[in-house]
Amino acid sequence: MEVIAHTATIQKNKDSLNTLLKNDLYEKLELDFVLTSDYIPVWSHDIKVNGLNIKDSSAKQLNFLLTLDEVLQIVNNKKKILIEIKSPRRDKKFYSKIIKILKRLNSIKNIQVQSFDSIFIIELLKHKKQFPNIEIGLIINFFKTFNYRKKDISKLKDIDFISLSSELFELPIVGKDYLIYKNLFSHAKLYAWTWDAVYKEHEKRIKNYIKCETDGIITLNPQLIKKIIGNNKRGV
């Protein structure tokens, strides 16, 4: 099982990134990027920073944020990378630019790309042959799952992985929805994550992720996960 760093709430700077890289409990880093007005991906969980809308501002205006290229230079293949594209646009120029970026990243080992936006992910899957070494995934939470229950999502059949939030494993109204996606995309890896703004990671939740046979956990608490995995191996 992969233990993946959840970086939504950490400071987005070189020191934080280097700290994550030094943490041997993490095998992979989940990093959020938003594309600027000149289509440069910058490391940010928020779409608005210091009063500036990232998508309406140039990379030069946002030079206090690390670009994707700068992040990759620091990471230097020390960890696997899970890139979340925040707030993707749905126009031809955006798709053209992001595909060009992914083609360039295709030569780098262990890169994954995910998004909440299914239309964006479907578009990436159409062009997957241009970046075959990059895995593509869809993020699903409580709000998204109701839509996917009702609509045909067969266009996502070639997806490589799914990232499901904790509610889909446990809340009464959607607590078995992880099985919907596990059955629909039986070939795809299944990652679990806790929406820490609302829910907290705890031992019961982590044990449930493991019981549900997830392939990875996106977490702020790698020590707890490693402890539980270790106890399971020892039969504790």
C-alpha atoms as a PDB file:
ATOM      1  CA  MET A   1       0.000   0.000   0.000  1.00  0.00           C
ATOM      2  CA  GLU A   2       1.285   3.434  -0.961  1.00  0.00           C
ATOM      3  CA  VAL A   3       1.513   6.105   1.728  1.00  0.00           C
ATOM      4  CA  ILE A   4       1.010   9.467   0.012  1.00  0.00           C
ATOM      5  CA  ALA A   5       1.565  12.923   1.509  1.00  0.00           C
ATOM      6  CA  HIS A   6      -1.572  15.102   1.621  1.00  0.00           C
ATOM      7  CA  THR A   7      -0.263  18.649   1.177  1.00  0.00           C
ATOM      8  CA  ALA A   8      -3.439  20.758   1.067  1.00  0.00           C
ATOM      9  CA  THR A   9      -2.751  22.494   4.379  1.00  0.00           C
ATOM     10  CA  ILE A  10       1.051  22.764   4.338  1.00  0.00           C
ATOM     11  CA  GLN A  11       3.007  25.865   3.329  1.00  0.00           C
ATOM     12  CA  LYS A  12       3.795  25.784  -0.383  1.00  0.00           C
ATOM     13  CA  ASN A  13       7.508  26.582  -0.336  1.00  0.00           C
ATOM     14  CA  LYS A  14      10.929  24.972  -0.764  1.00  0.00           C
ATOM     15  CA  ASP A  15      11.391  24.262   2.940  1.00  0.00           C
ATOM     16  CA  SER A  16       8.088  22.374   3.201  1.00  0.00           C
ATOM     17  CA  LEU A  17       8.838  20.424   0.044  1.00  0.00           C
ATOM     18  CA  ASN A  18      12.300  19.444   1.273  1.00  0.00           C
ATOM     19  CA  THR A  19      10.811  18.342   4.607  1.00  0.00           C
ATOM     20  CA  LEU A  20       8.403  16.046   2.763  1.00  0.00           C
ATOM     21  CA  LEU A  21      11.220  14.652   0.665  1.00  0.00           C
ATOM     22  CA  LYS A  22      13.195  13.789   3.798  1.00  0.00           C
ATOM     23  CA  ASN A  23      10.263  11.932   5.345  1.00  0.00           C
ATOM     24  CA  ASP A  24      10.916   8.269   4.546  1.00  0.00           C
ATOM     25  CA  LEU A  25       7.366   7.315   5.549  1.00  0.00           C
ATOM     26  CA  TYR A  26       6.039   8.925   2.375  1.00  0.00           C
ATOM     27  CA  GLU A  27       6.478   7.169  -0.958  1.00  0.00           C
ATOM     28  CA  LYS A  28       4.609   9.787  -2.967  1.00  0.00           C
ATOM     29  CA  LEU A  29       3.659  13.476  -2.739  1.00  0.00           C
ATOM     30  CA  GLU A  30       0.211  14.767  -3.711  1.00  0.00           C
ATOM     31  CA  LEU A  31       0.708  18.340  -4.978  1.00  0.00           C
ATOM     32  CA  ASP A  32      -1.915  20.811  -6.220  1.00  0.00           C
ATOM     33  CA  PHE A  33      -1.332  23.028  -9.245  1.00  0.00           C
ATOM     34  CA  VAL A  34      -3.294  25.827 -10.879  1.00  0.00           C
ATOM     35  CA  LEU A  35      -2.435  27.149 -14.342  1.00  0.00           C
ATOM     36  CA  THR A  36      -1.717  30.873 -14.644  1.00  0.00           C
ATOM     37  CA  SER A  37      -3.046  33.125 -17.410  1.00  0.00           C
ATOM     38  CA  ASP A  38       0.062  32.242 -19.432  1.00  0.00           C
ATOM     39  CA  TYR A  39      -0.498  28.512 -18.751  1.00  0.00           C
ATOM     40  CA  ILE A  40       2.303  27.949 -16.241  1.00  0.00           C
ATOM     41  CA  PRO A  41       1.357  25.453 -13.502  1.00  0.00           C
ATOM     42  CA  VAL A  42       2.066  26.904 -10.036  1.00  0.00           C
ATOM     43  CA  TRP A  43       1.933  25.039  -6.734  1.00  0.00           C
ATOM     44  CA  SER A  44      -1.178  26.170  -4.886  1.00  0.00           C
ATOM     45  CA  HIS A  45      -4.183  24.519  -3.296  1.00  0.00           C
ATOM     46  CA  ASP A  46      -6.198  27.741  -3.618  1.00  0.00           C
ATOM     47  CA  ILE A  47      -7.240  29.327  -6.895  1.00  0.00           C
ATOM     48  CA  LYS A  48      -6.843  32.792  -5.374  1.00  0.00           C
ATOM     49  CA  VAL A  49      -3.628  33.860  -3.600  1.00  0.00           C
ATOM     50  CA  ASN A  50      -2.784  37.240  -2.026  1.00  0.00           C
ATOM     51  CA  GLY A  51      -5.884  38.724  -3.621  1.00  0.00           C
ATOM     52  CA  LEU A  52      -4.926  37.476  -7.095  1.00  0.00           C
ATOM     53  CA  ASN A  53      -6.903  34.979  -9.149  1.00  0.00           C
ATOM     54  CA  ILE A  54      -4.235  32.608 -10.399  1.00  0.00           C
ATOM     55  CA  LYS A  55      -5.902  31.848 -13.727  1.00  0.00           C
ATOM     56  CA  ASP A  56      -6.139  35.600 -14.440  1.00  0.00           C
ATOM     57  CA  SER A  57      -2.561  36.402 -13.376  1.00  0.00           C
ATOM     58  CA  SER A  58       0.757  35.753 -15.095  1.00  0.00           C
ATOM     59  CA  ALA A  59       3.514  33.572 -13.666  1.00  0.00           C
ATOM     60  CA  LYS A  60       5.596  36.743 -13.308  1.00  0.00           C
ATOM     61  CA  GLN A  61       2.924  38.305 -11.110  1.00  0.00           C
ATOM     62  CA  LEU A  62       2.880  35.114  -9.049  1.00  0.00           C
ATOM     63  CA  ASN A  63       6.641  34.660  -8.802  1.00  0.00           C
ATOM     64  CA  PHE A  64       6.310  33.981  -5.061  1.00  0.00           C
ATOM     65  CA  LEU A  65       4.739  30.614  -5.992  1.00  0.00           C
ATOM     66  CA  LEU A  66       6.816  27.649  -7.116  1.00  0.00           C
ATOM     67  CA  THR A  67       6.182  26.518 -10.675  1.00  0.00           C
ATOM     68  CA  LEU A  68       5.806  22.859 -11.606  1.00  0.00           C
ATOM     69  CA  ASP A  69       9.254  22.898 -13.203  1.00  0.00           C
ATOM     70  CA  GLU A  70      10.784  24.311 -10.006  1.00  0.00           C
ATOM     71  CA  VAL A  71       9.018  21.675  -7.905  1.00  0.00           C
ATOM     72  CA  LEU A  72      10.216  18.854 -10.146  1.00  0.00           C
ATOM     73  CA  GLN A  73      13.749  20.197 -10.005  1.00  0.00           C
ATOM     74  CA  ILE A  74      13.654  20.097  -6.195  1.00  0.00           C
ATOM     75  CA  VAL A  75      12.001  16.662  -6.076  1.00  0.00           C
ATOM     76  CA  ASN A  76      14.551  15.323  -8.587  1.00  0.00           C
ATOM     77  CA  ASN A  77      12.940  11.840  -8.722  1.00  0.00           C
ATOM     78  CA  LYS A  78      13.346  11.353  -4.952  1.00  0.00           C
ATOM     79  CA  LYS A  79       9.626  10.643  -4.593  1.00  0.00           C
ATOM     80  CA  LYS A  80       6.721   9.728  -6.853  1.00  0.00           C
ATOM     81  CA  ILE A  81       4.456  12.680  -7.692  1.00  0.00           C
ATOM     82  CA  LEU A  82       0.648  12.851  -7.766  1.00  0.00           C
ATOM     83  CA  ILE A  83      -0.360  16.111  -9.442  1.00  0.00           C
ATOM     84  CA  GLU A  84      -3.837  17.512  -8.919  1.00  0.00           C
ATOM     85  CA  ILE A  85      -4.902  20.071 -11.516  1.00  0.00           C
ATOM     86  CA  LYS A  86      -7.169  22.587  -9.789  1.00  0.00           C
ATOM     87  CA  SER A  87      -9.876  24.537 -11.600  1.00  0.00           C
ATOM     88  CA  PRO A  88      -9.124  23.358 -15.163  1.00  0.00           C
ATOM     89  CA  ARG A  89     -10.598  25.421 -17.969  1.00  0.00           C
ATOM     90  CA  ARG A  90     -12.646  23.842 -20.727  1.00  0.00           C
ATOM     91  CA  ASP A  91     -11.382  25.563 -23.824  1.00  0.00           C
ATOM     92  CA  LYS A  92      -9.220  24.251 -26.653  1.00  0.00           C
ATOM     93  CA  LYS A  93      -6.223  26.390 -25.764  1.00  0.00           C
ATOM     94  CA  PHE A  94      -6.168  25.126 -22.173  1.00  0.00           C
ATOM     95  CA  TYR A  95      -6.387  21.505 -23.316  1.00  0.00           C
ATOM     96  CA  SER A  96      -3.688  22.096 -25.907  1.00  0.00           C
ATOM     97  CA  LYS A  97      -1.371  23.637 -23.305  1.00  0.00           C
ATOM     98  CA  ILE A  98      -1.928  20.960 -20.668  1.00  0.00           C
ATOM     99  CA  ILE A  99      -1.380  18.158 -23.196  1.00  0.00           C
ATOM    100  CA  LYS A 100       1.876  19.817 -24.262  1.00  0.00           C
ATOM    101  CA  ILE A 101       2.941  19.947 -20.602  1.00  0.00           C
ATOM    102  CA  LEU A 102       2.087  16.275 -20.053  1.00  0.00           C
ATOM    103  CA  LYS A 103       3.949  15.216 -23.191  1.00  0.00           C
ATOM    104  CA  ARG A 104       7.010  16.959 -21.783  1.00  0.00           C
ATOM    105  CA  LEU A 105       6.560  15.255 -18.386  1.00  0.00           C
ATOM    106  CA  ASN A 106       6.099  11.830 -19.972  1.00  0.00           C
ATOM    107  CA  SER A 107       9.833  11.140 -19.809  1.00  0.00           C
ATOM    108  CA  ILE A 108       9.858  11.607 -16.016  1.00  0.00           C
ATOM    109  CA  LYS A 109       9.250   8.463 -13.986  1.00  0.00           C
ATOM    110  CA  ASN A 110       6.348   8.010 -11.571  1.00  0.00           C
ATOM    111  CA  ILE A 111       4.034  10.897 -12.482  1.00  0.00           C
ATOM    112  CA  GLN A 112       0.262  10.776 -11.963  1.00  0.00           C
ATOM    113  CA  VAL A 113      -2.329  13.460 -12.755  1.00  0.00           C
ATOM    114  CA  GLN A 114      -5.776  13.776 -11.190  1.00  0.00           C
ATOM    115  CA  SER A 115      -8.705  16.188 -11.039  1.00  0.00           C
ATOM    116  CA  PHE A 116     -12.248  16.523  -9.699  1.00  0.00           C
ATOM    117  CA  ASP A 117     -13.352  17.596 -13.182  1.00  0.00           C
ATOM    118  CA  SER A 118     -14.532  14.499 -15.096  1.00  0.00           C
ATOM    119  CA  ILE A 119     -14.850  16.380 -18.411  1.00  0.00           C
ATOM    120  CA  PHE A 120     -11.223  17.443 -18.122  1.00  0.00           C
ATOM    121  CA  ILE A 121     -10.141  13.882 -17.282  1.00  0.00           C
ATOM    122  CA  ILE A 122     -12.118  12.466 -20.216  1.00  0.00           C
ATOM    123  CA  GLU A 123     -10.285  14.917 -22.499  1.00  0.00           C
ATOM    124  CA  LEU A 124      -6.922  13.771 -21.128  1.00  0.00           C
ATOM    125  CA  LEU A 125      -7.872  10.131 -21.683  1.00  0.00           C
ATOM    126  CA  LYS A 126      -8.587  10.901 -25.354  1.00  0.00           C
ATOM    127  CA  HIS A 127      -4.961  11.956 -25.749  1.00  0.00           C
ATOM    128  CA  LYS A 128      -3.389   9.338 -23.466  1.00  0.00           C
ATOM    129  CA  LYS A 129      -1.294   7.873 -26.279  1.00  0.00           C
ATOM    130  CA  GLN A 130       0.728  11.094 -26.321  1.00  0.00           C
ATOM    131  CA  PHE A 131       1.822  10.625 -22.683  1.00  0.00           C
ATOM    132  CA  PRO A 132       1.522   6.853 -22.050  1.00  0.00           C
ATOM    133  CA  ASN A 133       3.781   6.848 -18.979  1.00  0.00           C
ATOM    134  CA  ILE A 134       1.568   9.236 -17.016  1.00  0.00           C
ATOM    135  CA  GLU A 135      -1.320   7.728 -15.066  1.00  0.00           C
ATOM    136  CA  ILE A 136      -4.648   9.602 -15.118  1.00  0.00           C
ATOM    137  CA  GLY A 137      -7.131   9.601 -12.221  1.00  0.00           C
ATOM    138  CA  LEU A 138     -10.447  11.043 -11.060  1.00  0.00           C
ATOM    139  CA  ILE A 139     -11.130  12.466  -7.583  1.00  0.00           C
ATOM    140  CA  ILE A 140     -14.600  11.827  -6.158  1.00  0.00           C
ATOM    141  CA  ASN A 141     -16.115  13.163  -2.938  1.00  0.00           C
ATOM    142  CA  PHE A 142     -19.527  13.240  -1.266  1.00  0.00           C
ATOM    143  CA  PHE A 143     -20.968  15.870  -3.621  1.00  0.00           C
ATOM    144  CA  LYS A 144     -19.663  14.340  -6.851  1.00  0.00           C
ATOM    145  CA  THR A 145     -20.832  10.804  -6.155  1.00  0.00           C
ATOM    146  CA  PHE A 146     -24.543  11.631  -6.450  1.00  0.00           C
ATOM    147  CA  ASN A 147     -23.986  12.838 -10.026  1.00  0.00           C
ATOM    148  CA  TYR A 148     -22.001   9.743 -10.950  1.00  0.00           C
ATOM    149  CA  ARG A 149     -24.771   7.483  -9.629  1.00  0.00           C
ATOM    150  CA  LYS A 150     -27.114   8.988 -12.211  1.00  0.00           C
ATOM    151  CA  LYS A 151     -24.970   9.521 -15.288  1.00  0.00           C
ATOM    152  CA  ASP A 152     -23.088   7.329 -17.713  1.00  0.00           C
ATOM    153  CA  ILE A 153     -19.397   7.480 -16.846  1.00  0.00           C
ATOM    154  CA  SER A 154     -18.267   4.827 -19.310  1.00  0.00           C
ATOM    155  CA  LYS A 155     -16.032   7.408 -21.024  1.00  0.00           C
ATOM    156  CA  LEU A 156     -13.820   7.109 -17.952  1.00  0.00           C
ATOM    157  CA  LYS A 157     -13.363   3.349 -18.446  1.00  0.00           C
ATOM    158  CA  ASP A 158      -9.641   3.668 -19.269  1.00  0.00           C
ATOM    159  CA  ILE A 159      -8.820   5.560 -16.088  1.00  0.00           C
ATOM    160  CA  ASP A 160      -5.735   4.403 -14.176  1.00  0.00           C
ATOM    161  CA  PHE A 161      -6.812   5.265 -10.636  1.00  0.00           C
ATOM    162  CA  ILE A 162      -9.587   6.796  -8.534  1.00  0.00           C
ATOM    163  CA  SER A 163      -9.171   8.943  -5.401  1.00  0.00           C
ATOM    164  CA  LEU A 164     -12.183   8.590  -3.104  1.00  0.00           C
ATOM    165  CA  SER A 165     -12.850  10.709  -0.013  1.00  0.00           C
ATOM    166  CA  SER A 166     -13.604   9.164   3.365  1.00  0.00           C
ATOM    167  CA  GLU A 167     -17.391   9.683   3.209  1.00  0.00           C
ATOM    168  CA  LEU A 168     -17.664   7.173   0.360  1.00  0.00           C
ATOM    169  CA  PHE A 169     -16.311   4.465   2.650  1.00  0.00           C
ATOM    170  CA  GLU A 170     -18.392   5.120   5.750  1.00  0.00           C
ATOM    171  CA  LEU A 171     -21.266   7.664   5.790  1.00  0.00           C
ATOM    172  CA  PRO A 172     -24.720   5.988   5.810  1.00  0.00           C
ATOM    173  CA  ILE A 173     -26.045   7.727   2.686  1.00  0.00           C
ATOM    174  CA  VAL A 174     -22.952   7.021   0.522  1.00  0.00           C
ATOM    175  CA  GLY A 175     -20.922   4.649   2.676  1.00  0.00           C
ATOM    176  CA  LYS A 176     -20.728   1.847   0.112  1.00  0.00           C
ATOM    177  CA  ASP A 177     -20.163   4.009  -2.948  1.00  0.00           C
ATOM    178  CA  TYR A 178     -16.513   3.008  -3.059  1.00  0.00           C
ATOM    179  CA  LEU A 179     -17.801  -0.382  -4.259  1.00  0.00           C
ATOM    180  CA  ILE A 180     -19.576   1.266  -7.203  1.00  0.00           C
ATOM    181  CA  TYR A 181     -16.264   2.612  -8.494  1.00  0.00           C
ATOM    182  CA  LYS A 182     -14.302  -0.463  -7.509  1.00  0.00           C
ATOM    183  CA  ASN A 183     -16.645  -2.577  -9.643  1.00  0.00           C
ATOM    184  CA  LEU A 184     -16.917  -0.114 -12.530  1.00  0.00           C
ATOM    185  CA  PHE A 185     -13.155   0.365 -12.766  1.00  0.00           C
ATOM    186  CA  SER A 186     -11.893  -2.978 -11.497  1.00  0.00           C
ATOM    187  CA  HIS A 187      -8.540  -2.492 -13.235  1.00  0.00           C
ATOM    188  CA  ALA A 188      -7.929   0.922 -11.628  1.00  0.00           C
ATOM    189  CA  LYS A 189      -6.018   1.603  -8.422  1.00  0.00           C
ATOM    190  CA  LEU A 190      -8.113   2.895  -5.532  1.00  0.00           C
ATOM    191  CA  TYR A 191      -6.784   5.670  -3.303  1.00  0.00           C
ATOM    192  CA  ALA A 192      -8.471   6.931  -0.135  1.00  0.00           C
ATOM    193  CA  TRP A 193      -8.189  10.382   1.406  1.00  0.00           C
ATOM    194  CA  THR A 194      -9.709  12.343   4.279  1.00  0.00           C
ATOM    195  CA  TRP A 195     -11.176  15.768   3.637  1.00  0.00           C
ATOM    196  CA  ASP A 196      -9.419  17.222   6.671  1.00  0.00           C
ATOM    197  CA  ALA A 197     -11.315  20.527   6.631  1.00  0.00           C
ATOM    198  CA  VAL A 198     -14.391  18.556   7.725  1.00  0.00           C
ATOM    199  CA  TYR A 199     -13.246  15.085   8.804  1.00  0.00           C
ATOM    200  CA  LYS A 200     -10.209  14.019  10.798  1.00  0.00           C
ATOM    201  CA  GLU A 201      -7.945  11.061  10.323  1.00  0.00           C
ATOM    202  CA  HIS A 202      -8.156   8.521  13.123  1.00  0.00           C
ATOM    203  CA  GLU A 203      -7.346   4.870  13.632  1.00  0.00           C
ATOM    204  CA  LYS A 204     -10.840   3.572  12.867  1.00  0.00           C
ATOM    205  CA  ARG A 205     -10.964   5.476   9.574  1.00  0.00           C
ATOM    206  CA  ILE A 206      -7.518   4.299   8.480  1.00  0.00           C
ATOM    207  CA  LYS A 207      -8.326   0.691   9.410  1.00  0.00           C
ATOM    208  CA  ASN A 208     -11.484   0.935   7.306  1.00  0.00           C
ATOM    209  CA  TYR A 209      -9.493   2.157   4.286  1.00  0.00           C
ATOM    210  CA  ILE A 210      -7.223  -0.860   4.648  1.00  0.00           C
ATOM    211  CA  LYS A 211     -10.187  -3.214   5.130  1.00  0.00           C
ATOM    212  CA  CYS A 212     -11.698  -1.840   1.897  1.00  0.00           C
ATOM    213  CA  GLU A 213      -8.507  -2.913   0.094  1.00  0.00           C
ATOM    214  CA  THR A 214      -7.316   0.487  -1.019  1.00  0.00           C
ATOM    215  CA  ASP A 215      -4.053   0.648  -2.950  1.00  0.00           C
ATOM    216  CA  GLY A 216      -2.926   3.845  -1.266  1.00  0.00           C
ATOM    217  CA  ILE A 217      -3.846   6.410   1.390  1.00  0.00           C
ATOM    218  CA  ILE A 218      -3.339  10.156   0.959  1.00  0.00           C
ATOM    219  CA  THR A 219      -2.574  11.261   4.495  1.00  0.00           C
ATOM    220  CA  LEU A 220      -1.201  13.778   6.975  1.00  0.00           C
ATOM    221  CA  ASN A 221      -0.375  11.005   9.416  1.00  0.00           C
ATOM    222  CA  PRO A 222       1.966   8.469   7.830  1.00  0.00           C
ATOM    223  CA  GLN A 223       3.160   7.259  11.239  1.00  0.00           C
ATOM    224  CA  LEU A 224      -0.346   6.028  12.112  1.00  0.00           C
ATOM    225  CA  ILE A 225      -0.755   4.228   8.790  1.00  0.00           C
ATOM    226  CA  LYS A 226       2.625   2.500   9.020  1.00  0.00           C
ATOM    227  CA  LYS A 227       1.818   1.474  12.615  1.00  0.00           C
ATOM    228  CA  ILE A 228      -1.544  -0.055  11.615  1.00  0.00           C
ATOM    229  CA  ILE A 229      -0.053  -1.826   8.596  1.00  0.00           C
ATOM    230  CA  GLY A 230       2.726  -3.183  10.805  1.00  0.00           C
ATOM    231  CA  ASN A 231       0.254  -4.383  13.445  1.00  0.00           C
ATOM    232  CA  ASN A 232      -1.844  -6.106  10.758  1.00  0.00           C
ATOM    233  CA  LYS A 233       1.222  -7.977   9.498  1.00  0.00           C
ATOM    234  CA  ARG A 234       2.001  -9.102  13.041  1.00  0.00           C
ATOM    235  CA  GLY A 235      -1.630 -10.103  13.614  1.00  0.00           C
ATOM    236  CA  VAL A 236      -2.097  -7.623  16.463  1.00  0.00           C
END
